[in-house]
């Protein structure tokens, strides 16, 4: 199952807010070269181009469907397909920006140092990643995997927490960064619709597990997951659902 831009953008306002918060904390007046790693459908890359209109802005992603949507919606920007883990800048960049992408990759101790090395002196490495593997929405995925006939096939997809506490990144980058700002926030997301938390995770954390199944197990897995999520996130009296979501932010000055 490939990335679905429409499904990902269904909660566009909630997914966009952390990116806006990160952009607001970037201490650069006029960067010349900006790269957005894991740009997805390009809606955040567009904001970077609007914030710094004189910069050369490139969006990089490894999902063809996302890049196709980005090229369609924002044809004037530069879009390229590449894998983040092995990506290297053609020349040092003034702003290396990545929003909700690095949580998919392992070995952050090496990854973050590698990416920070692509930033020019005086430039900025700006990161936002979800940090909610211990939340009920994600615990329910692991429980559903463990308690079904699909356990043996899906177990290899279950991953340990890849995003570490803020202190890990502080210790990792302090020896190299001239300035370092790290914080995390719990966003209380108020969602509408039927089973909105399930619809949210289907676009992200749940996606690899659904992609590995076929009917009738696909529907059975999703039904069991839905039941767990409904118990963990019951609707409020007004019908809306509260979905707390923790995110970690990092702004490092080279």
C-alpha atoms as a PDB file:
ATOM      1  CA  UNK A   1       0.000   0.000   0.000  1.00  0.00           C
ATOM      2  CA  UNK A   2       1.603   3.259  -1.123  1.00  0.00           C
ATOM      3  CA  UNK A   3       1.323   6.614   0.607  1.00  0.00           C
ATOM      4  CA  UNK A   4      -2.064   8.254   0.025  1.00  0.00           C
ATOM      5  CA  UNK A   5      -1.782  12.056  -0.232  1.00  0.00           C
ATOM      6  CA  UNK A   6      -5.542  12.570   0.092  1.00  0.00           C
ATOM      7  CA  UNK A   7      -5.741  10.500   3.271  1.00  0.00           C
ATOM      8  CA  UNK A   8      -2.675  12.234   4.702  1.00  0.00           C
ATOM      9  CA  UNK A   9      -4.133  15.675   3.994  1.00  0.00           C
ATOM     10  CA  UNK A  10      -7.524  14.790   5.498  1.00  0.00           C
ATOM     11  CA  UNK A  11      -6.321  16.223   8.816  1.00  0.00           C
ATOM     12  CA  UNK A  12      -4.314  18.962   7.153  1.00  0.00           C
ATOM     13  CA  UNK A  13      -4.874  21.642   9.783  1.00  0.00           C
ATOM     14  CA  UNK A  14      -3.665  19.439  12.642  1.00  0.00           C
ATOM     15  CA  UNK A  15      -0.682  18.128  10.694  1.00  0.00           C
ATOM     16  CA  UNK A  16       0.231  21.636   9.545  1.00  0.00           C
ATOM     17  CA  UNK A  17       0.249  23.344  12.929  1.00  0.00           C
ATOM     18  CA  UNK A  18       3.518  21.756  14.207  1.00  0.00           C
ATOM     19  CA  UNK A  19       5.255  22.698  10.957  1.00  0.00           C
ATOM     20  CA  UNK A  20       4.133  26.299  11.385  1.00  0.00           C
ATOM     21  CA  UNK A  21       5.348  26.291  14.985  1.00  0.00           C
ATOM     22  CA  UNK A  22       8.733  24.995  13.854  1.00  0.00           C
ATOM     23  CA  UNK A  23       9.070  27.522  11.028  1.00  0.00           C
ATOM     24  CA  UNK A  24       8.330  30.339  13.487  1.00  0.00           C
ATOM     25  CA  UNK A  25      11.348  29.340  15.604  1.00  0.00           C
ATOM     26  CA  UNK A  26      13.926  29.261  12.799  1.00  0.00           C
ATOM     27  CA  UNK A  27      16.398  32.142  13.347  1.00  0.00           C
ATOM     28  CA  UNK A  28      17.340  32.807   9.718  1.00  0.00           C
ATOM     29  CA  UNK A  29      16.722  36.066   7.879  1.00  0.00           C
ATOM     30  CA  UNK A  30      17.626  35.162   4.301  1.00  0.00           C
ATOM     31  CA  UNK A  31      18.730  31.561   3.661  1.00  0.00           C
ATOM     32  CA  UNK A  32      19.732  30.960   0.063  1.00  0.00           C
ATOM     33  CA  UNK A  33      19.406  27.175  -0.098  1.00  0.00           C
ATOM     34  CA  UNK A  34      16.552  25.283   1.640  1.00  0.00           C
ATOM     35  CA  UNK A  35      15.851  21.561   1.562  1.00  0.00           C
ATOM     36  CA  UNK A  36      12.669  19.991   2.935  1.00  0.00           C
ATOM     37  CA  UNK A  37      13.408  16.335   3.696  1.00  0.00           C
ATOM     38  CA  UNK A  38      10.354  14.091   3.632  1.00  0.00           C
ATOM     39  CA  UNK A  39       8.299  16.801   1.968  1.00  0.00           C
ATOM     40  CA  UNK A  40       5.236  14.603   1.358  1.00  0.00           C
ATOM     41  CA  UNK A  41       2.596  16.366  -0.756  1.00  0.00           C
ATOM     42  CA  UNK A  42       4.503  19.653  -0.583  1.00  0.00           C
ATOM     43  CA  UNK A  43       2.096  21.766   1.454  1.00  0.00           C
ATOM     44  CA  UNK A  44       4.790  22.589   4.033  1.00  0.00           C
ATOM     45  CA  UNK A  45       7.497  23.102   1.408  1.00  0.00           C
ATOM     46  CA  UNK A  46       5.257  25.778  -0.092  1.00  0.00           C
ATOM     47  CA  UNK A  47       5.232  27.586   3.275  1.00  0.00           C
ATOM     48  CA  UNK A  48       9.025  27.574   3.366  1.00  0.00           C
ATOM     49  CA  UNK A  49       9.109  29.123  -0.105  1.00  0.00           C
ATOM     50  CA  UNK A  50       6.622  31.772   0.988  1.00  0.00           C
ATOM     51  CA  UNK A  51       8.554  32.582   4.163  1.00  0.00           C
ATOM     52  CA  UNK A  52      11.850  32.945   2.247  1.00  0.00           C
ATOM     53  CA  UNK A  53      10.853  33.846  -1.348  1.00  0.00           C
ATOM     54  CA  UNK A  54      14.421  34.521  -2.483  1.00  0.00           C
ATOM     55  CA  UNK A  55      15.660  31.072  -1.488  1.00  0.00           C
ATOM     56  CA  UNK A  56      16.073  28.053  -3.732  1.00  0.00           C
ATOM     57  CA  UNK A  57      13.718  25.500  -2.170  1.00  0.00           C
ATOM     58  CA  UNK A  58      13.860  21.756  -2.876  1.00  0.00           C
ATOM     59  CA  UNK A  59      11.441  19.141  -1.591  1.00  0.00           C
ATOM     60  CA  UNK A  60      12.726  15.575  -1.240  1.00  0.00           C
ATOM     61  CA  UNK A  61      10.662  12.440  -0.649  1.00  0.00           C
ATOM     62  CA  UNK A  62      10.874   8.748  -1.525  1.00  0.00           C
ATOM     63  CA  UNK A  63       7.137   8.269  -2.206  1.00  0.00           C
ATOM     64  CA  UNK A  64       6.214   8.735  -5.885  1.00  0.00           C
ATOM     65  CA  UNK A  65       2.546   9.423  -5.098  1.00  0.00           C
ATOM     66  CA  UNK A  66       3.463  12.226  -2.713  1.00  0.00           C
ATOM     67  CA  UNK A  67       5.842  13.812  -5.208  1.00  0.00           C
ATOM     68  CA  UNK A  68       3.275  13.526  -7.971  1.00  0.00           C
ATOM     69  CA  UNK A  69       0.809  15.459  -5.828  1.00  0.00           C
ATOM     70  CA  UNK A  70       3.466  18.043  -4.929  1.00  0.00           C
ATOM     71  CA  UNK A  71       4.415  18.618  -8.565  1.00  0.00           C
ATOM     72  CA  UNK A  72       0.755  18.986  -9.491  1.00  0.00           C
ATOM     73  CA  UNK A  73      -0.111  21.439  -6.699  1.00  0.00           C
ATOM     74  CA  UNK A  74       3.158  23.428  -6.638  1.00  0.00           C
ATOM     75  CA  UNK A  75       4.787  23.133 -10.079  1.00  0.00           C
ATOM     76  CA  UNK A  76       7.183  26.038  -9.564  1.00  0.00           C
ATOM     77  CA  UNK A  77       9.125  24.342  -6.788  1.00  0.00           C
ATOM     78  CA  UNK A  78      11.915  21.787  -7.179  1.00  0.00           C
ATOM     79  CA  UNK A  79      10.866  18.207  -6.324  1.00  0.00           C
ATOM     80  CA  UNK A  80      13.208  15.236  -6.196  1.00  0.00           C
ATOM     81  CA  UNK A  81      12.912  11.590  -5.215  1.00  0.00           C
ATOM     82  CA  UNK A  82      15.491  10.270  -2.770  1.00  0.00           C
ATOM     83  CA  UNK A  83      15.843   8.244   0.415  1.00  0.00           C
ATOM     84  CA  UNK A  84      16.433  10.404   3.480  1.00  0.00           C
ATOM     85  CA  UNK A  85      18.791   7.944   5.171  1.00  0.00           C
ATOM     86  CA  UNK A  86      21.283   8.011   2.290  1.00  0.00           C
ATOM     87  CA  UNK A  87      20.648  11.553   1.023  1.00  0.00           C
ATOM     88  CA  UNK A  88      23.577  13.947   0.710  1.00  0.00           C
ATOM     89  CA  UNK A  89      23.384  17.593  -0.244  1.00  0.00           C
ATOM     90  CA  UNK A  90      24.976  18.593  -3.535  1.00  0.00           C
ATOM     91  CA  UNK A  91      26.262  21.607  -1.627  1.00  0.00           C
ATOM     92  CA  UNK A  92      25.815  22.649   2.017  1.00  0.00           C
ATOM     93  CA  UNK A  93      22.339  24.011   2.699  1.00  0.00           C
ATOM     94  CA  UNK A  94      21.388  27.035   4.793  1.00  0.00           C
ATOM     95  CA  UNK A  95      18.210  25.436   6.125  1.00  0.00           C
ATOM     96  CA  UNK A  96      17.713  21.680   6.351  1.00  0.00           C
ATOM     97  CA  UNK A  97      14.079  21.282   7.364  1.00  0.00           C
ATOM     98  CA  UNK A  98      12.252  18.039   8.087  1.00  0.00           C
ATOM     99  CA  UNK A  99       8.722  17.727   9.405  1.00  0.00           C
ATOM    100  CA  UNK A 100       7.225  14.403  10.599  1.00  0.00           C
ATOM    101  CA  UNK A 101       9.634  12.229   8.618  1.00  0.00           C
ATOM    102  CA  UNK A 102      12.634  11.095  10.678  1.00  0.00           C
ATOM    103  CA  UNK A 103      10.470   8.986  13.005  1.00  0.00           C
ATOM    104  CA  UNK A 104      10.323   6.398  10.222  1.00  0.00           C
ATOM    105  CA  UNK A 105      14.102   5.869  10.320  1.00  0.00           C
ATOM    106  CA  UNK A 106      16.338   3.962  12.737  1.00  0.00           C
ATOM    107  CA  UNK A 107      19.714   4.787  14.276  1.00  0.00           C
ATOM    108  CA  UNK A 108      19.084   8.437  15.121  1.00  0.00           C
ATOM    109  CA  UNK A 109      22.503   8.717  16.754  1.00  0.00           C
ATOM    110  CA  UNK A 110      24.111   8.396  13.306  1.00  0.00           C
ATOM    111  CA  UNK A 111      21.285   9.853  11.222  1.00  0.00           C
ATOM    112  CA  UNK A 112      21.088  13.213  12.973  1.00  0.00           C
ATOM    113  CA  UNK A 113      24.842  13.727  12.887  1.00  0.00           C
ATOM    114  CA  UNK A 114      24.884  12.852   9.192  1.00  0.00           C
ATOM    115  CA  UNK A 115      22.097  15.313   8.387  1.00  0.00           C
ATOM    116  CA  UNK A 116      23.536  18.089  10.550  1.00  0.00           C
ATOM    117  CA  UNK A 117      26.800  17.756   8.612  1.00  0.00           C
ATOM    118  CA  UNK A 118      24.924  18.812   5.442  1.00  0.00           C
ATOM    119  CA  UNK A 119      24.224  22.288   6.919  1.00  0.00           C
ATOM    120  CA  UNK A 120      26.461  25.230   6.023  1.00  0.00           C
ATOM    121  CA  UNK A 121      28.170  27.257   8.783  1.00  0.00           C
ATOM    122  CA  UNK A 122      25.594  29.606  10.282  1.00  0.00           C
ATOM    123  CA  UNK A 123      22.768  27.507   8.860  1.00  0.00           C
ATOM    124  CA  UNK A 124      20.018  25.638  10.695  1.00  0.00           C
ATOM    125  CA  UNK A 125      18.874  22.045  11.043  1.00  0.00           C
ATOM    126  CA  UNK A 126      15.164  22.138  11.991  1.00  0.00           C
ATOM    127  CA  UNK A 127      13.289  18.973  12.947  1.00  0.00           C
ATOM    128  CA  UNK A 128       9.791  17.998  14.072  1.00  0.00           C
ATOM    129  CA  UNK A 129       8.907  14.376  14.810  1.00  0.00           C
ATOM    130  CA  UNK A 130       5.968  12.669  16.530  1.00  0.00           C
ATOM    131  CA  UNK A 131       6.929  11.106  19.872  1.00  0.00           C
ATOM    132  CA  UNK A 132       3.885   9.077  20.808  1.00  0.00           C
ATOM    133  CA  UNK A 133       4.727   5.388  20.430  1.00  0.00           C
ATOM    134  CA  UNK A 134       3.470   4.871  23.993  1.00  0.00           C
ATOM    135  CA  UNK A 135       0.089   6.512  23.317  1.00  0.00           C
ATOM    136  CA  UNK A 136      -3.069   4.318  23.230  1.00  0.00           C
ATOM    137  CA  UNK A 137      -3.396   4.751  19.455  1.00  0.00           C
ATOM    138  CA  UNK A 138      -0.019   3.094  18.917  1.00  0.00           C
ATOM    139  CA  UNK A 139      -0.216   0.584  21.755  1.00  0.00           C
ATOM    140  CA  UNK A 140      -3.479  -0.623  20.162  1.00  0.00           C
ATOM    141  CA  UNK A 141      -1.590  -1.421  16.955  1.00  0.00           C
ATOM    142  CA  UNK A 142       0.891  -3.617  18.804  1.00  0.00           C
ATOM    143  CA  UNK A 143      -1.859  -5.322  20.820  1.00  0.00           C
ATOM    144  CA  UNK A 144      -3.871  -6.060  17.666  1.00  0.00           C
ATOM    145  CA  UNK A 145      -0.798  -7.539  16.000  1.00  0.00           C
ATOM    146  CA  UNK A 146       0.002  -9.739  19.012  1.00  0.00           C
ATOM    147  CA  UNK A 147      -3.496 -11.149  19.499  1.00  0.00           C
ATOM    148  CA  UNK A 148      -4.471 -12.215  15.984  1.00  0.00           C
ATOM    149  CA  UNK A 149      -3.701 -15.006  13.498  1.00  0.00           C
ATOM    150  CA  UNK A 150      -1.510 -12.531  11.600  1.00  0.00           C
ATOM    151  CA  UNK A 151       0.947 -12.171  14.485  1.00  0.00           C
ATOM    152  CA  UNK A 152       3.837 -14.083  12.929  1.00  0.00           C
ATOM    153  CA  UNK A 153       3.639 -12.124   9.667  1.00  0.00           C
ATOM    154  CA  UNK A 154       3.130  -8.685  11.183  1.00  0.00           C
ATOM    155  CA  UNK A 155       5.474  -8.958  14.171  1.00  0.00           C
ATOM    156  CA  UNK A 156       8.547  -7.942  12.111  1.00  0.00           C
ATOM    157  CA  UNK A 157       6.795  -4.644  11.336  1.00  0.00           C
ATOM    158  CA  UNK A 158       6.450  -3.769  15.017  1.00  0.00           C
ATOM    159  CA  UNK A 159       9.273  -1.434  15.911  1.00  0.00           C
ATOM    160  CA  UNK A 160      10.717  -0.171  19.133  1.00  0.00           C
ATOM    161  CA  UNK A 161      10.581   3.532  19.829  1.00  0.00           C
ATOM    162  CA  UNK A 162      12.799   5.326  17.337  1.00  0.00           C
ATOM    163  CA  UNK A 163      12.285   8.844  18.653  1.00  0.00           C
ATOM    164  CA  UNK A 164      14.143   9.419  21.899  1.00  0.00           C
ATOM    165  CA  UNK A 165      13.513  11.880  24.765  1.00  0.00           C
ATOM    166  CA  UNK A 166      14.765  15.454  24.247  1.00  0.00           C
ATOM    167  CA  UNK A 167      17.894  14.922  26.381  1.00  0.00           C
ATOM    168  CA  UNK A 168      19.154  12.295  23.917  1.00  0.00           C
ATOM    169  CA  UNK A 169      19.284  14.818  21.079  1.00  0.00           C
ATOM    170  CA  UNK A 170      20.774  17.484  23.309  1.00  0.00           C
ATOM    171  CA  UNK A 171      23.673  15.215  24.233  1.00  0.00           C
ATOM    172  CA  UNK A 172      24.020  14.073  20.628  1.00  0.00           C
ATOM    173  CA  UNK A 173      24.269  17.502  18.977  1.00  0.00           C
ATOM    174  CA  UNK A 174      25.703  19.755  21.696  1.00  0.00           C
ATOM    175  CA  UNK A 175      29.327  18.935  20.732  1.00  0.00           C
ATOM    176  CA  UNK A 176      28.680  20.124  17.156  1.00  0.00           C
ATOM    177  CA  UNK A 177      26.024  22.854  17.305  1.00  0.00           C
ATOM    178  CA  UNK A 178      26.714  26.501  18.036  1.00  0.00           C
ATOM    179  CA  UNK A 179      23.133  26.888  19.214  1.00  0.00           C
ATOM    180  CA  UNK A 180      20.566  24.278  20.168  1.00  0.00           C
ATOM    181  CA  UNK A 181      16.882  24.585  21.070  1.00  0.00           C
ATOM    182  CA  UNK A 182      14.875  21.427  21.846  1.00  0.00           C
ATOM    183  CA  UNK A 183      11.342  21.108  23.178  1.00  0.00           C
ATOM    184  CA  UNK A 184       8.339  18.820  23.021  1.00  0.00           C
ATOM    185  CA  UNK A 185       4.618  19.584  23.159  1.00  0.00           C
ATOM    186  CA  UNK A 186       1.413  17.664  23.667  1.00  0.00           C
ATOM    187  CA  UNK A 187      -1.126  18.970  21.158  1.00  0.00           C
ATOM    188  CA  UNK A 188      -4.717  18.302  22.181  1.00  0.00           C
ATOM    189  CA  UNK A 189      -6.220  17.578  18.785  1.00  0.00           C
ATOM    190  CA  UNK A 190     -10.004  17.831  18.579  1.00  0.00           C
ATOM    191  CA  UNK A 191     -11.161  15.565  15.752  1.00  0.00           C
ATOM    192  CA  UNK A 192     -14.526  15.149  14.083  1.00  0.00           C
ATOM    193  CA  UNK A 193     -16.128  12.238  12.261  1.00  0.00           C
ATOM    194  CA  UNK A 194     -16.540   8.540  12.908  1.00  0.00           C
ATOM    195  CA  UNK A 195     -13.482   6.819  14.399  1.00  0.00           C
ATOM    196  CA  UNK A 196     -11.245   9.800  13.563  1.00  0.00           C
ATOM    197  CA  UNK A 197      -8.214   8.433  15.413  1.00  0.00           C
ATOM    198  CA  UNK A 198      -8.322   5.333  13.229  1.00  0.00           C
ATOM    199  CA  UNK A 199      -8.570   7.483  10.121  1.00  0.00           C
ATOM    200  CA  UNK A 200      -5.568   9.449  11.365  1.00  0.00           C
ATOM    201  CA  UNK A 201      -3.375   6.403  11.955  1.00  0.00           C
ATOM    202  CA  UNK A 202      -4.421   4.762   8.670  1.00  0.00           C
ATOM    203  CA  UNK A 203      -2.475   7.512   6.917  1.00  0.00           C
ATOM    204  CA  UNK A 204       0.645   6.992   9.041  1.00  0.00           C
ATOM    205  CA  UNK A 205       1.444   4.446  11.764  1.00  0.00           C
ATOM    206  CA  UNK A 206      -1.178   1.862  10.777  1.00  0.00           C
ATOM    207  CA  UNK A 207      -0.345   1.986   7.079  1.00  0.00           C
ATOM    208  CA  UNK A 208       2.463  -0.645   6.977  1.00  0.00           C
ATOM    209  CA  UNK A 209       0.330  -3.212   8.791  1.00  0.00           C
ATOM    210  CA  UNK A 210      -2.676  -2.768   6.523  1.00  0.00           C
ATOM    211  CA  UNK A 211      -0.396  -2.977   3.492  1.00  0.00           C
ATOM    212  CA  UNK A 212       0.861  -6.388   4.613  1.00  0.00           C
ATOM    213  CA  UNK A 213      -2.598  -7.967   4.818  1.00  0.00           C
ATOM    214  CA  UNK A 214      -5.196  -9.159   2.327  1.00  0.00           C
ATOM    215  CA  UNK A 215      -8.888  -9.897   2.768  1.00  0.00           C
ATOM    216  CA  UNK A 216     -10.480 -11.226   4.862  1.00  0.00           C
ATOM    217  CA  UNK A 217      -7.699 -10.601   7.402  1.00  0.00           C
ATOM    218  CA  UNK A 218      -7.363  -6.966   6.396  1.00  0.00           C
ATOM    219  CA  UNK A 219     -10.924  -6.145   7.469  1.00  0.00           C
ATOM    220  CA  UNK A 220     -10.649  -8.300  10.584  1.00  0.00           C
ATOM    221  CA  UNK A 221      -7.445  -6.591  11.690  1.00  0.00           C
ATOM    222  CA  UNK A 222      -8.881  -3.131  11.135  1.00  0.00           C
ATOM    223  CA  UNK A 223     -12.104  -4.030  12.975  1.00  0.00           C
ATOM    224  CA  UNK A 224     -10.188  -5.240  16.040  1.00  0.00           C
ATOM    225  CA  UNK A 225      -8.004  -2.154  16.005  1.00  0.00           C
ATOM    226  CA  UNK A 226     -11.063   0.105  15.724  1.00  0.00           C
ATOM    227  CA  UNK A 227     -12.627  -1.505  18.775  1.00  0.00           C
ATOM    228  CA  UNK A 228      -9.532  -0.897  20.878  1.00  0.00           C
ATOM    229  CA  UNK A 229      -9.243   2.699  19.728  1.00  0.00           C
ATOM    230  CA  UNK A 230     -12.916   3.430  20.428  1.00  0.00           C
ATOM    231  CA  UNK A 231     -12.415   2.331  24.029  1.00  0.00           C
ATOM    232  CA  UNK A 232      -9.272   4.449  24.380  1.00  0.00           C
ATOM    233  CA  UNK A 233     -10.723   7.575  22.739  1.00  0.00           C
ATOM    234  CA  UNK A 234     -14.477   7.758  23.419  1.00  0.00           C
ATOM    235  CA  UNK A 235     -16.337  10.676  21.807  1.00  0.00           C
ATOM    236  CA  UNK A 236     -17.082  13.766  23.890  1.00  0.00           C
ATOM    237  CA  UNK A 237     -20.718  14.778  24.536  1.00  0.00           C
ATOM    238  CA  UNK A 238     -20.580  17.001  21.443  1.00  0.00           C
ATOM    239  CA  UNK A 239     -19.527  14.035  19.277  1.00  0.00           C
ATOM    240  CA  UNK A 240     -15.940  15.136  18.769  1.00  0.00           C
ATOM    241  CA  UNK A 241     -12.912  13.099  19.852  1.00  0.00           C
ATOM    242  CA  UNK A 242      -9.909  14.330  21.846  1.00  0.00           C
ATOM    243  CA  UNK A 243      -6.623  12.946  20.516  1.00  0.00           C
ATOM    244  CA  UNK A 244      -3.537  14.073  22.477  1.00  0.00           C
ATOM    245  CA  UNK A 245      -0.469  13.970  20.261  1.00  0.00           C
ATOM    246  CA  UNK A 246       3.106  14.580  21.434  1.00  0.00           C
ATOM    247  CA  UNK A 247       5.724  16.034  19.102  1.00  0.00           C
ATOM    248  CA  UNK A 248       9.414  16.799  19.549  1.00  0.00           C
ATOM    249  CA  UNK A 249      11.101  19.859  18.023  1.00  0.00           C
ATOM    250  CA  UNK A 250      14.757  20.627  17.430  1.00  0.00           C
ATOM    251  CA  UNK A 251      16.483  23.701  16.022  1.00  0.00           C
ATOM    252  CA  UNK A 252      20.274  23.382  15.769  1.00  0.00           C
ATOM    253  CA  UNK A 253      22.558  26.167  14.521  1.00  0.00           C
ATOM    254  CA  UNK A 254      25.682  25.092  12.657  1.00  0.00           C
END
